[in-house]
């Protein structure tokens, strides 16, 4: 990721946090967690131009208004002790499959909601899908089975898997090249016995963004490559 892209991304995360706090502080008790990720994002925000700051805050305002309308617990606590904590998540969390950038947490209710902040997209784009979370409810659409994503763990990191039906071989597991790269050493041998076990479970590897294709498209891709 380029330096400018990183600065813009962190700046937008900070803008989201600021807008959450600004719009909710008169409705509920709010606390910003000023951790190291907060400091990094704040420093990035301070580096961009005043025009960029205004634009990011405006876009963040739209996003926060949308989320507050959809999720009533953002603005409504049980009592004055029910504090809404706002936190920017460390990038390292993403290595384990958690791609949320900003969290809103109510510890008293054991509840939280996360936002994956994207400042350079005109539309929702394969939003790190889940096998057990109905992400479509936010967009008033029904999530179909085609988009269910499973996970496999290797070296304490989760990688996505999808199951598809191939007429010639039955149900198979498809995973991503970033996992395949970790399974083999520089000589093309398996990195460990664990790597062998993992590879035995995968029929084919695709590019990391291709795993989010609908099943029919993914199946056609695999067929064109191996069958």
Protein backbone atom coordinates (compact mmCIF):
# COMPACT_ATOMS: atom_id res chain seq x y z
CA UNK A 1 0.00 0.00 0.00
CA UNK A 2 1.38 3.44 -0.97
CA UNK A 3 2.15 6.11 1.62
CA UNK A 4 -0.61 8.46 0.43
CA UNK A 5 -3.14 5.64 0.44
CA UNK A 6 -2.15 4.71 3.98
CA UNK A 7 -2.43 8.31 5.19
CA UNK A 8 -5.82 8.72 3.53
CA UNK A 9 -7.08 5.43 4.92
CA UNK A 10 -6.00 6.24 8.47
CA UNK A 11 -7.38 9.76 8.14
CA UNK A 12 -10.78 8.40 7.17
CA UNK A 13 -10.75 6.04 10.16
CA UNK A 14 -10.08 9.03 12.39
CA UNK A 15 -12.85 11.02 10.69
CA UNK A 16 -15.30 8.19 11.35
CA UNK A 17 -14.33 8.08 15.02
CA UNK A 18 -14.74 11.85 15.33
CA UNK A 19 -18.16 11.77 13.70
CA UNK A 20 -19.36 8.88 15.87
CA UNK A 21 -18.35 10.84 18.96
CA UNK A 22 -19.80 14.12 17.74
CA UNK A 23 -23.18 12.71 16.74
CA UNK A 24 -23.65 10.43 19.75
CA UNK A 25 -22.23 12.38 22.71
CA UNK A 26 -25.53 14.22 23.30
CA UNK A 27 -27.51 10.96 23.18
CA UNK A 28 -25.40 8.55 25.23
CA UNK A 29 -22.20 8.28 27.26
CA UNK A 30 -19.26 8.06 24.83
CA UNK A 31 -15.60 7.33 25.44
CA UNK A 32 -12.82 7.32 22.83
CA UNK A 33 -10.08 4.74 23.41
CA UNK A 34 -6.89 6.70 22.73
CA UNK A 35 -4.64 3.74 21.96
CA UNK A 36 -1.64 3.68 19.62
CA UNK A 37 -3.90 3.11 16.59
CA UNK A 38 -5.83 6.25 17.52
CA UNK A 39 -2.60 8.24 17.74
CA UNK A 40 -1.46 7.01 14.31
CA UNK A 41 -4.80 7.85 12.70
CA UNK A 42 -4.90 11.28 14.36
CA UNK A 43 -1.37 12.06 13.14
CA UNK A 44 -2.32 11.04 9.60
CA UNK A 45 -5.43 13.24 9.74
CA UNK A 46 -3.30 16.18 10.81
CA UNK A 47 -1.07 15.70 7.75
CA UNK A 48 -3.77 16.06 5.08
CA UNK A 49 -5.05 19.36 3.69
CA UNK A 50 -7.95 21.29 5.20
CA UNK A 51 -10.04 20.48 2.13
CA UNK A 52 -9.35 16.77 2.52
CA UNK A 53 -10.24 16.98 6.21
CA UNK A 54 -13.56 18.60 5.37
CA UNK A 55 -14.33 16.00 2.72
CA UNK A 56 -13.46 13.04 4.96
CA UNK A 57 -15.53 14.44 7.82
CA UNK A 58 -18.46 14.97 5.46
CA UNK A 59 -18.29 11.43 4.07
CA UNK A 60 -17.86 10.03 7.58
CA UNK A 61 -20.90 12.02 8.70
CA UNK A 62 -23.02 10.39 5.99
CA UNK A 63 -21.81 6.94 7.02
CA UNK A 64 -22.42 7.50 10.73
CA UNK A 65 -25.92 8.87 10.13
CA UNK A 66 -26.71 5.76 8.09
CA UNK A 67 -25.44 3.40 10.78
CA UNK A 68 -27.15 5.22 13.66
CA UNK A 69 -30.48 4.93 11.83
CA UNK A 70 -29.96 1.18 11.34
CA UNK A 71 -28.54 0.27 14.76
CA UNK A 72 -30.44 1.81 17.71
CA UNK A 73 -27.98 0.56 20.32
CA UNK A 74 -25.38 3.01 19.06
CA UNK A 75 -27.38 5.91 20.49
CA UNK A 76 -29.24 4.17 23.32
CA UNK A 77 -27.62 2.75 26.42
CA UNK A 78 -29.31 0.97 29.29
CA UNK A 79 -28.31 3.66 31.79
CA UNK A 80 -25.56 6.21 32.45
CA UNK A 81 -23.10 3.41 33.23
CA UNK A 82 -23.63 1.88 29.79
CA UNK A 83 -20.75 3.64 28.02
CA UNK A 84 -20.24 3.42 24.27
CA UNK A 85 -16.52 2.96 23.69
CA UNK A 86 -15.11 3.99 20.31
CA UNK A 87 -11.86 2.40 19.18
CA UNK A 88 -9.66 2.29 16.10
CA UNK A 89 -8.48 -1.29 15.61
CA UNK A 90 -4.83 -2.17 15.14
CA UNK A 91 -3.92 -3.29 11.61
CA UNK A 92 -2.49 -6.51 13.03
CA UNK A 93 -6.05 -7.71 13.71
CA UNK A 94 -6.57 -7.94 9.97
CA UNK A 95 -3.92 -10.64 9.75
CA UNK A 96 -6.31 -12.94 11.61
CA UNK A 97 -9.28 -12.15 9.41
CA UNK A 98 -10.77 -9.25 11.38
CA UNK A 99 -10.97 -6.43 8.83
CA UNK A 100 -12.92 -3.98 10.97
CA UNK A 101 -11.22 -0.60 11.33
CA UNK A 102 -13.46 1.19 13.84
CA UNK A 103 -15.32 -0.44 16.72
CA UNK A 104 -18.24 0.78 18.80
CA UNK A 105 -18.46 -1.32 21.97
CA UNK A 106 -20.93 -1.57 24.86
CA UNK A 107 -19.23 -3.74 27.46
CA UNK A 108 -22.25 -3.66 29.76
CA UNK A 109 -24.39 -5.25 27.04
CA UNK A 110 -21.58 -7.45 25.71
CA UNK A 111 -22.29 -5.93 22.31
CA UNK A 112 -20.19 -4.36 19.58
CA UNK A 113 -20.39 -3.28 15.98
CA UNK A 114 -17.47 -2.74 13.62
CA UNK A 115 -16.91 -0.70 10.48
CA UNK A 116 -14.49 -1.55 7.69
CA UNK A 117 -13.54 1.93 6.49
CA UNK A 118 -12.98 2.38 2.76
CA UNK A 119 -12.33 5.87 1.43
CA UNK A 120 -11.74 5.05 -2.24
CA UNK A 121 -14.75 2.95 -3.27
CA UNK A 122 -17.96 4.04 -4.97
CA UNK A 123 -19.82 0.91 -3.90
CA UNK A 124 -19.86 -1.98 -1.47
CA UNK A 125 -17.18 -4.42 -2.66
CA UNK A 126 -16.97 -8.11 -1.55
CA UNK A 127 -17.13 -7.15 2.11
CA UNK A 128 -15.13 -9.99 3.78
CA UNK A 129 -18.04 -12.39 3.89
CA UNK A 130 -18.94 -14.78 6.66
CA UNK A 131 -20.58 -18.17 6.93
CA UNK A 132 -22.67 -17.14 9.93
CA UNK A 133 -23.28 -13.38 9.64
CA UNK A 134 -26.14 -12.08 7.50
CA UNK A 135 -24.33 -8.99 6.19
CA UNK A 136 -27.11 -8.44 3.64
CA UNK A 137 -29.54 -7.10 6.25
CA UNK A 138 -27.68 -3.79 6.19
CA UNK A 139 -28.55 -3.40 2.50
CA UNK A 140 -32.05 -4.91 2.73
CA UNK A 141 -31.06 -7.88 0.58
CA UNK A 142 -31.08 -11.61 1.20
CA UNK A 143 -27.71 -13.32 1.43
CA UNK A 144 -27.68 -16.48 -0.66
CA UNK A 145 -25.66 -19.61 -0.03
CA UNK A 146 -23.36 -18.74 -2.95
CA UNK A 147 -21.60 -16.18 -0.79
CA UNK A 148 -20.94 -18.27 2.30
CA UNK A 149 -17.28 -18.21 3.27
CA UNK A 150 -15.64 -20.75 5.57
CA UNK A 151 -12.17 -20.52 7.08
CA UNK A 152 -9.11 -22.70 7.50
CA UNK A 153 -6.27 -21.90 9.89
CA UNK A 154 -2.58 -22.27 9.13
CA UNK A 155 0.20 -20.93 11.37
CA UNK A 156 -2.40 -19.16 13.54
CA UNK A 157 -3.86 -17.23 10.62
CA UNK A 158 -7.31 -17.75 9.08
CA UNK A 159 -7.73 -18.07 5.30
CA UNK A 160 -11.05 -18.13 3.41
CA UNK A 161 -12.47 -21.28 1.85
CA UNK A 162 -15.52 -21.84 -0.34
CA UNK A 163 -17.14 -25.16 -1.15
CA UNK A 164 -18.41 -25.72 -4.67
CA UNK A 165 -19.96 -28.67 -6.51
CA UNK A 166 -18.11 -30.04 -9.51
CA UNK A 167 -19.95 -32.63 -11.56
CA UNK A 168 -16.81 -34.62 -12.21
CA UNK A 169 -15.51 -34.81 -8.62
CA UNK A 170 -18.27 -33.73 -6.22
CA UNK A 171 -17.92 -31.17 -3.41
CA UNK A 172 -14.49 -29.54 -3.26
CA UNK A 173 -12.77 -26.85 -1.22
CA UNK A 174 -11.35 -23.76 -2.93
CA UNK A 175 -8.96 -21.43 -1.13
CA UNK A 176 -6.61 -18.54 -1.92
CA UNK A 177 -3.10 -18.21 -3.30
CA UNK A 178 -1.91 -16.35 -0.21
CA UNK A 179 -2.44 -19.61 1.70
CA UNK A 180 -0.81 -21.70 -1.02
CA UNK A 181 2.27 -19.47 -0.87
CA UNK A 182 2.64 -20.20 2.84
CA UNK A 183 2.39 -23.97 2.44
CA UNK A 184 5.53 -24.37 0.35
CA UNK A 185 9.15 -23.43 1.04
CA UNK A 186 11.57 -21.92 -1.48
CA UNK A 187 12.34 -25.37 -2.89
CA UNK A 188 8.68 -26.15 -3.55
CA UNK A 189 8.45 -28.63 -0.67
CA UNK A 190 5.79 -28.54 2.01
CA UNK A 191 6.74 -26.21 4.82
CA UNK A 192 5.65 -28.69 7.51
CA UNK A 193 3.43 -31.72 8.13
CA UNK A 194 0.68 -29.25 8.99
CA UNK A 195 1.08 -27.70 5.53
CA UNK A 196 0.64 -31.12 3.93
CA UNK A 197 -2.56 -31.72 5.91
CA UNK A 198 -3.96 -28.34 4.92
CA UNK A 199 -3.08 -28.78 1.24
CA UNK A 200 -4.79 -32.18 1.19
CA UNK A 201 -8.05 -30.42 2.03
CA UNK A 202 -7.87 -27.92 -0.85
CA UNK A 203 -8.78 -28.83 -4.41
CA UNK A 204 -7.67 -25.57 -6.05
CA UNK A 205 -6.29 -22.14 -5.18
CA UNK A 206 -7.48 -18.88 -6.74
CA UNK A 207 -6.48 -15.24 -6.44
CA UNK A 208 -7.48 -13.77 -3.10
CA UNK A 209 -10.21 -11.52 -4.53
CA UNK A 210 -11.64 -14.32 -6.72
CA UNK A 211 -12.74 -16.34 -3.68
CA UNK A 212 -15.59 -13.83 -3.26
CA UNK A 213 -17.08 -14.59 -6.67
CA UNK A 214 -20.53 -16.25 -6.72
CA UNK A 215 -20.28 -20.03 -6.78
CA UNK A 216 -21.21 -20.39 -10.44
CA UNK A 217 -18.53 -17.97 -11.57
CA UNK A 218 -16.00 -19.54 -9.24
CA UNK A 219 -16.87 -23.00 -10.55
CA UNK A 220 -16.42 -21.87 -14.16
CA UNK A 221 -13.06 -20.38 -13.26
CA UNK A 222 -11.86 -23.61 -11.67
CA UNK A 223 -13.15 -25.73 -14.55
CA UNK A 224 -11.35 -23.54 -17.08
CA UNK A 225 -8.09 -24.06 -15.20
CA UNK A 226 -8.07 -27.72 -14.19
CA UNK A 227 -10.79 -29.71 -15.94
